[in-house]
PDB file of N, CA and C in Angstrom:
ATOM      1  N   MET A   1      18.601  23.486 -10.676  1.00  0.00           N
ATOM      2  CA  MET A   1      17.885  24.456 -10.603  1.00  0.00           C
ATOM      3  C   MET A   1      18.259  25.851 -10.116  1.00  0.00           C
ATOM      4  N   THR A   2      17.739  26.958 -10.603  1.00  0.00           N
ATOM      5  CA  THR A   2      18.211  28.293 -10.458  1.00  0.00           C
ATOM      6  C   THR A   2      17.141  29.167  -9.719  1.00  0.00           C
ATOM      7  N   ILE A   3      17.476  29.668  -8.818  1.00  0.00           N
ATOM      8  CA  ILE A   3      16.372  30.843  -8.180  1.00  0.00           C
ATOM      9  C   ILE A   3      16.508  32.069  -8.606  1.00  0.00           C
ATOM     10  N   ALA A   4      15.651  32.944  -9.057  1.00  0.00           N
ATOM     11  CA  ALA A   4      16.075  34.138  -9.732  1.00  0.00           C
ATOM     12  C   ALA A   4      14.797  35.126  -9.285  1.00  0.00           C
ATOM     13  N   LYS A   5      15.643  36.244  -8.758  1.00  0.00           N
ATOM     14  CA  LYS A   5      14.493  37.282  -8.400  1.00  0.00           C
ATOM     15  C   LYS A   5      13.792  37.911  -9.814  1.00  0.00           C
ATOM     16  N   GLN A   6      12.491  38.386  -9.511  1.00  0.00           N
ATOM     17  CA  GLN A   6      11.577  38.911 -10.461  1.00  0.00           C
ATOM     18  C   GLN A   6      12.414  39.758 -11.376  1.00  0.00           C
ATOM     19  N   VAL A   7      12.772  40.756 -10.816  1.00  0.00           N
ATOM     20  CA  VAL A   7      13.670  41.943 -11.409  1.00  0.00           C
ATOM     21  C   VAL A   7      14.698  41.553 -12.393  1.00  0.00           C
ATOM     22  N   ASP A   8      15.668  40.421 -12.018  1.00  0.00           N
ATOM     23  CA  ASP A   8      16.529  39.603 -12.703  1.00  0.00           C
ATOM     24  C   ASP A   8      16.010  38.979 -13.756  1.00  0.00           C
ATOM     25  N   VAL A   9      14.927  38.260 -13.567  1.00  0.00           N
ATOM     26  CA  VAL A   9      14.077  37.659 -14.648  1.00  0.00           C
ATOM     27  C   VAL A   9      13.479  38.341 -15.858  1.00  0.00           C
ATOM     28  N   ARG A  10      12.972  39.874 -15.263  1.00  0.00           N
ATOM     29  CA  ARG A  10      12.667  40.942 -16.202  1.00  0.00           C
ATOM     30  C   ARG A  10      13.662  41.319 -17.217  1.00  0.00           C
ATOM     31  N   ALA A  11      14.904  41.666 -16.475  1.00  0.00           N
ATOM     32  CA  ALA A  11      15.999  42.418 -16.938  1.00  0.00           C
ATOM     33  C   ALA A  11      16.823  41.201 -18.123  1.00  0.00           C
ATOM     34  N   ASN A  12      16.806  39.825 -17.697  1.00  0.00           N
ATOM     35  CA  ASN A  12      17.190  38.850 -18.353  1.00  0.00           C
ATOM     36  C   ASN A  12      16.493  37.585 -18.892  1.00  0.00           C
ATOM     37  N   ILE A  13      15.384  38.112 -19.346  1.00  0.00           N
ATOM     38  CA  ILE A  13      14.301  36.818 -19.542  1.00  0.00           C
ATOM     39  C   ILE A  13      14.904  35.922 -20.667  1.00  0.00           C
ATOM     40  N   LYS A  14      15.488  36.328 -21.704  1.00  0.00           N
ATOM     41  CA  LYS A  14      16.136  35.332 -22.719  1.00  0.00           C
ATOM     42  C   LYS A  14      17.149  34.648 -21.938  1.00  0.00           C
ATOM     43  N   LYS A  15      17.933  34.865 -20.962  1.00  0.00           N
ATOM     44  CA  LYS A  15      18.988  34.221 -20.445  1.00  0.00           C
ATOM     45  C   LYS A  15      18.027  32.996 -19.590  1.00  0.00           C
ATOM     46  N   TYR A  16      17.108  33.528 -18.898  1.00  0.00           N
ATOM     47  CA  TYR A  16      16.455  32.616 -18.038  1.00  0.00           C
ATOM     48  C   TYR A  16      15.506  31.550 -18.934  1.00  0.00           C
ATOM     49  N   PHE A  17      14.902  31.964 -20.099  1.00  0.00           N
ATOM     50  CA  PHE A  17      14.298  31.209 -21.098  1.00  0.00           C
ATOM     51  C   PHE A  17      15.152  30.231 -21.484  1.00  0.00           C
ATOM     52  N   ASP A  18      16.324  30.816 -21.765  1.00  0.00           N
ATOM     53  CA  ASP A  18      17.446  29.460 -22.353  1.00  0.00           C
ATOM     54  C   ASP A  18      17.459  28.719 -21.530  1.00  0.00           C
ATOM     55  N   MET A  19      17.784  29.079 -20.135  1.00  0.00           N
ATOM     56  CA  MET A  19      18.214  28.088 -19.261  1.00  0.00           C
ATOM     57  C   MET A  19      16.911  27.268 -19.052  1.00  0.00           C
ATOM     58  N   ALA A  20      15.865  27.469 -18.766  1.00  0.00           N
ATOM     59  CA  ALA A  20      14.517  26.666 -18.754  1.00  0.00           C
ATOM     60  C   ALA A  20      14.647  25.831 -20.213  1.00  0.00           C
ATOM     61  N   PHE A  21      14.661  26.210 -21.251  1.00  0.00           N
ATOM     62  CA  PHE A  21      14.982  25.208 -22.391  1.00  0.00           C
ATOM     63  C   PHE A  21      15.824  24.358 -22.457  1.00  0.00           C
ATOM     64  N   PHE A  22      17.305  24.413 -21.947  1.00  0.00           N
ATOM     65  CA  PHE A  22      18.137  23.654 -21.810  1.00  0.00           C
ATOM     66  C   PHE A  22      18.215  22.569 -20.832  1.00  0.00           C
ATOM     67  N   GLY A  23      16.912  22.555 -20.001  1.00  0.00           N
ATOM     68  CA  GLY A  23      16.617  21.443 -18.976  1.00  0.00           C
ATOM     69  C   GLY A  23      16.880  22.426 -17.411  1.00  0.00           C
ATOM     70  N   GLU A  24      17.250  23.463 -17.179  1.00  0.00           N
ATOM     71  CA  GLU A  24      17.410  24.377 -15.940  1.00  0.00           C
ATOM     72  C   GLU A  24      16.249  25.011 -15.816  1.00  0.00           C
ATOM     73  N   PRO A  25      15.046  24.253 -14.704  1.00  0.00           N
ATOM     74  CA  PRO A  25      14.095  25.034 -14.216  1.00  0.00           C
ATOM     75  C   PRO A  25      14.669  26.398 -13.401  1.00  0.00           C
ATOM     76  N   VAL A  26      13.655  27.195 -13.568  1.00  0.00           N
ATOM     77  CA  VAL A  26      14.076  28.556 -12.738  1.00  0.00           C
ATOM     78  C   VAL A  26      12.880  28.985 -12.002  1.00  0.00           C
ATOM     79  N   ILE A  27      13.221  28.931 -10.634  1.00  0.00           N
ATOM     80  CA  ILE A  27      12.215  29.392  -9.690  1.00  0.00           C
ATOM     81  C   ILE A  27      12.329  30.813  -9.484  1.00  0.00           C
ATOM     82  N   VAL A  28      10.991  31.496  -9.391  1.00  0.00           N
ATOM     83  CA  VAL A  28      10.901  32.869  -9.116  1.00  0.00           C
ATOM     84  C   VAL A  28       9.983  32.893  -8.274  1.00  0.00           C
ATOM     85  N   PRO A  29      10.717  33.410  -7.007  1.00  0.00           N
ATOM     86  CA  PRO A  29      10.105  33.516  -5.661  1.00  0.00           C
ATOM     87  C   PRO A  29       9.162  34.891  -5.987  1.00  0.00           C
ATOM     88  N   ARG A  30       8.152  34.608  -5.109  1.00  0.00           N
ATOM     89  CA  ARG A  30       6.897  35.858  -4.999  1.00  0.00           C
ATOM     90  C   ARG A  30       6.804  36.045  -3.692  1.00  0.00           C
ATOM     91  N   LYS A  31       6.133  36.951  -3.491  1.00  0.00           N
ATOM     92  CA  LYS A  31       5.117  36.860  -1.776  1.00  0.00           C
ATOM     93  C   LYS A  31       4.242  36.076  -1.551  1.00  0.00           C
ATOM     94  N   GLN A  32       3.930  35.701  -0.285  1.00  0.00           N
ATOM     95  CA  GLN A  32       3.114  34.740   0.364  1.00  0.00           C
ATOM     96  C   GLN A  32       3.641  33.532  -0.399  1.00  0.00           C
ATOM     97  N   ASN A  33       4.659  33.385  -0.566  1.00  0.00           N
ATOM     98  CA  ASN A  33       5.066  31.831  -1.463  1.00  0.00           C
ATOM     99  C   ASN A  33       4.339  31.386  -2.515  1.00  0.00           C
ATOM    100  N   HIS A  34       4.041  32.549  -3.168  1.00  0.00           N
ATOM    101  CA  HIS A  34       3.153  32.054  -4.593  1.00  0.00           C
ATOM    102  C   HIS A  34       4.102  32.184  -5.574  1.00  0.00           C
ATOM    103  N   ASN A  35       5.402  31.426  -5.464  1.00  0.00           N
ATOM    104  CA  ASN A  35       6.309  31.051  -6.536  1.00  0.00           C
ATOM    105  C   ASN A  35       5.598  30.293  -8.080  1.00  0.00           C
ATOM    106  N   VAL A  36       6.598  30.935  -8.876  1.00  0.00           N
ATOM    107  CA  VAL A  36       6.425  30.034 -10.029  1.00  0.00           C
ATOM    108  C   VAL A  36       7.544  29.548 -10.545  1.00  0.00           C
ATOM    109  N   VAL A  37       7.415  28.510 -11.897  1.00  0.00           N
ATOM    110  CA  VAL A  37       8.657  27.958 -12.085  1.00  0.00           C
ATOM    111  C   VAL A  37       8.541  28.092 -13.732  1.00  0.00           C
ATOM    112  N   ILE A  38       9.968  28.252 -14.116  1.00  0.00           N
ATOM    113  CA  ILE A  38       9.763  28.298 -15.490  1.00  0.00           C
ATOM    114  C   ILE A  38      10.370  27.049 -16.227  1.00  0.00           C
ATOM    115  N   VAL A  39       9.793  26.214 -17.050  1.00  0.00           N
ATOM    116  CA  VAL A  39      10.208  25.084 -17.600  1.00  0.00           C
ATOM    117  C   VAL A  39      10.176  25.204 -18.910  1.00  0.00           C
ATOM    118  N   SER A  40      10.802  24.054 -19.735  1.00  0.00           N
ATOM    119  CA  SER A  40      10.652  24.103 -21.136  1.00  0.00           C
ATOM    120  C   SER A  40       9.556  23.349 -21.277  1.00  0.00           C
ATOM    121  N   GLU A  41       8.909  23.507 -22.581  1.00  0.00           N
ATOM    122  CA  GLU A  41       7.532  22.956 -23.154  1.00  0.00           C
ATOM    123  C   GLU A  41       7.804  21.473 -23.084  1.00  0.00           C
ATOM    124  N   ASP A  42       9.037  21.000 -23.205  1.00  0.00           N
ATOM    125  CA  ASP A  42       9.243  19.343 -23.377  1.00  0.00           C
ATOM    126  C   ASP A  42       9.132  19.175 -21.909  1.00  0.00           C
ATOM    127  N   ASP A  43       9.668  19.894 -20.854  1.00  0.00           N
ATOM    128  CA  ASP A  43       9.566  19.121 -19.614  1.00  0.00           C
ATOM    129  C   ASP A  43       8.014  19.458 -19.169  1.00  0.00           C
ATOM    130  N   TYR A  44       7.532  20.175 -19.644  1.00  0.00           N
ATOM    131  CA  TYR A  44       5.964  20.686 -19.101  1.00  0.00           C
ATOM    132  C   TYR A  44       5.070  19.419 -19.632  1.00  0.00           C
ATOM    133  N   ARG A  45       5.502  19.227 -20.836  1.00  0.00           N
ATOM    134  CA  ARG A  45       4.557  17.880 -21.598  1.00  0.00           C
ATOM    135  C   ARG A  45       4.967  16.865 -20.841  1.00  0.00           C
ATOM    136  N   ALA A  46       6.193  16.442 -20.288  1.00  0.00           N
ATOM    137  CA  ALA A  46       6.606  15.193 -19.526  1.00  0.00           C
ATOM    138  C   ALA A  46       5.695  15.221 -18.487  1.00  0.00           C
ATOM    139  N   MET A  47       5.806  16.172 -17.628  1.00  0.00           N
ATOM    140  CA  MET A  47       5.109  16.267 -16.296  1.00  0.00           C
ATOM    141  C   MET A  47       3.674  16.187 -16.439  1.00  0.00           C
ATOM    142  N   GLU A  48       3.006  16.735 -17.443  1.00  0.00           N
ATOM    143  CA  GLU A  48       1.448  16.435 -17.737  1.00  0.00           C
ATOM    144  C   GLU A  48       1.216  14.939 -18.038  1.00  0.00           C
ATOM    145  N   LYS A  49       2.037  14.329 -18.770  1.00  0.00           N
ATOM    146  CA  LYS A  49       1.835  13.125 -19.301  1.00  0.00           C
ATOM    147  C   LYS A  49       2.199  12.322 -17.929  1.00  0.00           C
ATOM    148  N   ALA A  50       3.022  12.519 -17.322  1.00  0.00           N
ATOM    149  CA  ALA A  50       3.090  11.710 -15.895  1.00  0.00           C
ATOM    150  C   ALA A  50       1.829  11.699 -14.857  1.00  0.00           C
ATOM    151  N   ARG A  51       1.537  13.048 -14.975  1.00  0.00           N
ATOM    152  CA  ARG A  51       0.285  12.938 -13.955  1.00  0.00           C
ATOM    153  C   ARG A  51      -0.953  12.570 -14.677  1.00  0.00           C
ATOM    154  N   ARG A  52      -1.230  12.472 -16.149  1.00  0.00           N
ATOM    155  CA  ARG A  52      -2.191  11.899 -16.505  1.00  0.00           C
ATOM    156  C   ARG A  52      -2.204  10.411 -16.410  1.00  0.00           C
ATOM    157  N   ASN A  53      -1.038  10.020 -16.560  1.00  0.00           N
ATOM    158  CA  ASN A  53      -0.665   8.476 -16.180  1.00  0.00           C
ATOM    159  C   ASN A  53      -1.049   8.046 -14.980  1.00  0.00           C
ATOM    160  N   ALA A  54      -0.561   8.834 -14.005  1.00  0.00           N
ATOM    161  CA  ALA A  54      -0.772   8.653 -12.596  1.00  0.00           C
ATOM    162  C   ALA A  54      -2.608   8.532 -12.376  1.00  0.00           C
ATOM    163  N   GLU A  55      -3.119   9.415 -12.988  1.00  0.00           N
ATOM    164  CA  GLU A  55      -4.634   9.541 -12.979  1.00  0.00           C
ATOM    165  C   GLU A  55      -5.058   8.145 -13.457  1.00  0.00           C
ATOM    166  N   TYR A  56      -4.656   7.677 -14.736  1.00  0.00           N
ATOM    167  CA  TYR A  56      -5.217   6.658 -15.305  1.00  0.00           C
ATOM    168  C   TYR A  56      -4.908   5.280 -14.441  1.00  0.00           C
ATOM    169  N   LEU A  57      -3.608   5.065 -13.840  1.00  0.00           N
ATOM    170  CA  LEU A  57      -3.304   4.079 -12.932  1.00  0.00           C
ATOM    171  C   LEU A  57      -4.339   4.204 -11.657  1.00  0.00           C
ATOM    172  N   ALA A  58      -4.530   5.581 -11.290  1.00  0.00           N
ATOM    173  CA  ALA A  58      -5.335   5.224 -10.299  1.00  0.00           C
ATOM    174  C   ALA A  58      -6.970   4.786 -10.443  1.00  0.00           C
ATOM    175  N   LYS A  59      -7.354   5.075 -11.423  1.00  0.00           N
ATOM    176  CA  LYS A  59      -8.896   4.938 -12.126  1.00  0.00           C
ATOM    177  C   LYS A  59      -8.459   3.114 -12.048  1.00  0.00           C
ATOM    178  N   LEU A  60      -7.412   2.721 -12.825  1.00  0.00           N
ATOM    179  CA  LEU A  60      -7.378   1.160 -12.956  1.00  0.00           C
ATOM    180  C   LEU A  60      -7.425   0.486 -11.408  1.00  0.00           C
ATOM    181  N   ASP A  61      -6.764   1.197 -10.340  1.00  0.00           N
ATOM    182  CA  ASP A  61      -6.636   0.449  -9.190  1.00  0.00           C
ATOM    183  C   ASP A  61      -8.257   0.663  -8.723  1.00  0.00           C
ATOM    184  N   ARG A  62      -8.634   1.612  -8.932  1.00  0.00           N
ATOM    185  CA  ARG A  62     -10.388   1.734  -8.363  1.00  0.00           C
ATOM    186  C   ARG A  62     -10.985   0.471  -8.667  1.00  0.00           C
ATOM    187  N   ALA A  63     -10.905   0.232 -10.300  1.00  0.00           N
ATOM    188  CA  ALA A  63     -11.662  -0.556 -10.976  1.00  0.00           C
ATOM    189  C   ALA A  63     -11.280  -1.713 -10.398  1.00  0.00           C
ATOM    190  N   ASP A  64     -10.275  -2.163 -10.357  1.00  0.00           N
ATOM    191  CA  ASP A  64      -9.584  -3.364  -9.805  1.00  0.00           C
ATOM    192  C   ASP A  64     -10.076  -3.779  -8.227  1.00  0.00           C
ATOM    193  N   GLN A  65     -10.033  -2.782  -7.768  1.00  0.00           N
ATOM    194  CA  GLN A  65     -10.756  -3.013  -6.038  1.00  0.00           C
ATOM    195  C   GLN A  65     -12.417  -3.368  -6.405  1.00  0.00           C
ATOM    196  N   GLN A  66     -12.972  -2.666  -7.152  1.00  0.00           N
ATOM    197  CA  GLN A  66     -14.513  -2.867  -7.502  1.00  0.00           C
ATOM    198  C   GLN A  66     -14.881  -4.046  -8.031  1.00  0.00           C
ATOM    199  N   ILE A  67     -13.777  -4.446  -8.790  1.00  0.00           N
ATOM    200  CA  ILE A  67     -13.940  -6.394  -9.268  1.00  0.00           C
ATOM    201  C   ILE A  67     -13.852  -7.017  -7.987  1.00  0.00           C
ATOM    202  N   LYS A  68     -13.041  -6.698  -7.237  1.00  0.00           N
ATOM    203  CA  LYS A  68     -12.611  -7.290  -6.201  1.00  0.00           C
ATOM    204  C   LYS A  68     -13.514  -7.736  -5.196  1.00  0.00           C
ATOM    205  N   GLU A  69     -14.476  -6.246  -5.086  1.00  0.00           N
ATOM    206  CA  GLU A  69     -15.534  -6.469  -3.943  1.00  0.00           C
ATOM    207  C   GLU A  69     -16.830  -6.861  -4.814  1.00  0.00           C
ATOM    208  N   GLY A  70     -16.863  -7.412  -5.874  1.00  0.00           N
ATOM    209  CA  GLY A  70     -18.161  -7.845  -6.593  1.00  0.00           C
ATOM    210  C   GLY A  70     -19.144  -6.787  -7.223  1.00  0.00           C
ATOM    211  N   LYS A  71     -18.557  -5.611  -7.218  1.00  0.00           N
ATOM    212  CA  LYS A  71     -19.332  -4.473  -8.001  1.00  0.00           C
ATOM    213  C   LYS A  71     -19.225  -4.549  -9.359  1.00  0.00           C
ATOM    214  N   VAL A  72     -19.835  -5.367 -10.001  1.00  0.00           N
ATOM    215  CA  VAL A  72     -19.741  -5.835 -11.290  1.00  0.00           C
ATOM    216  C   VAL A  72     -21.081  -5.800 -11.952  1.00  0.00           C
ATOM    217  N   VAL A  73     -21.187  -5.656 -13.077  1.00  0.00           N
ATOM    218  CA  VAL A  73     -22.340  -6.082 -14.174  1.00  0.00           C
ATOM    219  C   VAL A  73     -22.015  -7.065 -15.188  1.00  0.00           C
ATOM    220  N   VAL A  74     -22.866  -8.159 -15.137  1.00  0.00           N
ATOM    221  CA  VAL A  74     -22.429  -8.988 -15.959  1.00  0.00           C
ATOM    222  C   VAL A  74     -23.564  -9.064 -17.247  1.00  0.00           C
ATOM    223  N   LYS A  75     -23.417  -9.299 -18.371  1.00  0.00           N
ATOM    224  CA  LYS A  75     -24.110  -8.981 -19.577  1.00  0.00           C
ATOM    225  C   LYS A  75     -23.704 -10.243 -20.297  1.00  0.00           C
ATOM    226  N   THR A  76     -24.519 -11.125 -21.149  1.00  0.00           N
ATOM    227  CA  THR A  76     -24.573 -11.814 -22.059  1.00  0.00           C
ATOM    228  C   THR A  76     -24.157 -10.980 -23.511  1.00  0.00           C
ATOM    229  N   MET A  77     -23.530 -11.803 -24.558  1.00  0.00           N
ATOM    230  CA  MET A  77     -23.357 -11.334 -25.646  1.00  0.00           C
ATOM    231  C   MET A  77     -24.721 -10.806 -26.352  1.00  0.00           C
ATOM    232  N   GLU A  78     -25.826 -11.622 -25.985  1.00  0.00           N
ATOM    233  CA  GLU A  78     -27.369 -11.386 -26.721  1.00  0.00           C
ATOM    234  C   GLU A  78     -27.687 -10.130 -26.226  1.00  0.00           C
ATOM    235  N   GLU A  79     -27.207  -9.813 -24.767  1.00  0.00           N
ATOM    236  CA  GLU A  79     -27.807  -8.864 -24.254  1.00  0.00           C
ATOM    237  C   GLU A  79     -27.367  -7.449 -24.728  1.00  0.00           C
ATOM    238  N   LEU A  80     -25.774  -7.693 -24.893  1.00  0.00           N
ATOM    239  CA  LEU A  80     -24.811  -6.576 -25.410  1.00  0.00           C
ATOM    240  C   LEU A  80     -25.162  -6.153 -26.783  1.00  0.00           C
ATOM    241  N   ASP A  81     -25.592  -7.024 -27.768  1.00  0.00           N
ATOM    242  CA  ASP A  81     -25.952  -6.947 -28.921  1.00  0.00           C
ATOM    243  C   ASP A  81     -27.377  -6.106 -29.081  1.00  0.00           C
ATOM    244  N   ALA A  82     -28.610  -6.579 -28.102  1.00  0.00           N
ATOM    245  CA  ALA A  82     -29.305  -5.942 -28.032  1.00  0.00           C
ATOM    246  C   ALA A  82     -29.225  -4.222 -27.550  1.00  0.00           C
ATOM    247  N   MET A  83     -28.630  -4.158 -26.627  1.00  0.00           N
ATOM    248  CA  MET A  83     -27.948  -2.769 -26.080  1.00  0.00           C
ATOM    249  C   MET A  83     -27.474  -2.015 -27.595  1.00  0.00           C
ATOM    250  N   ALA A  84     -26.710  -2.543 -28.167  1.00  0.00           N
ATOM    251  CA  ALA A  84     -25.894  -2.011 -29.267  1.00  0.00           C
ATOM    252  C   ALA A  84     -26.827  -1.467 -30.256  1.00  0.00           C
ATOM    253  N   ALA A  85     -28.357  -2.499 -30.465  1.00  0.00           N
ATOM    254  CA  ALA A  85     -29.278  -2.292 -31.692  1.00  0.00           C
ATOM    255  C   ALA A  85     -29.957  -0.988 -31.416  1.00  0.00           C
ATOM    256  N   GLU A  86     -30.185  -0.888 -29.703  1.00  0.00           N
ATOM    257  CA  GLU A  86     -31.314   0.220 -29.649  1.00  0.00           C
ATOM    258  C   GLU A  86     -30.927   1.532 -30.132  1.00  0.00           C
TER     259      GLU A  86
END
């Protein structure tokens, strides 16, 4: 991980973009700790996938807990067929 001042990033943007592209995240400090991180698109997509997977697993955990607490609705196949026909 590299830390670069805004002025350096502006002056050498290709260098820092290339670093990010090849797997080296670049942190750009800003006032009031409003920092930004430059990462490659592949790394960004991997982080987004991990975030979505974590959200999905949390939903599964909530559903499992609801099942354990008996918060379920039971329908027969006939009832489901009737609902589908509506």
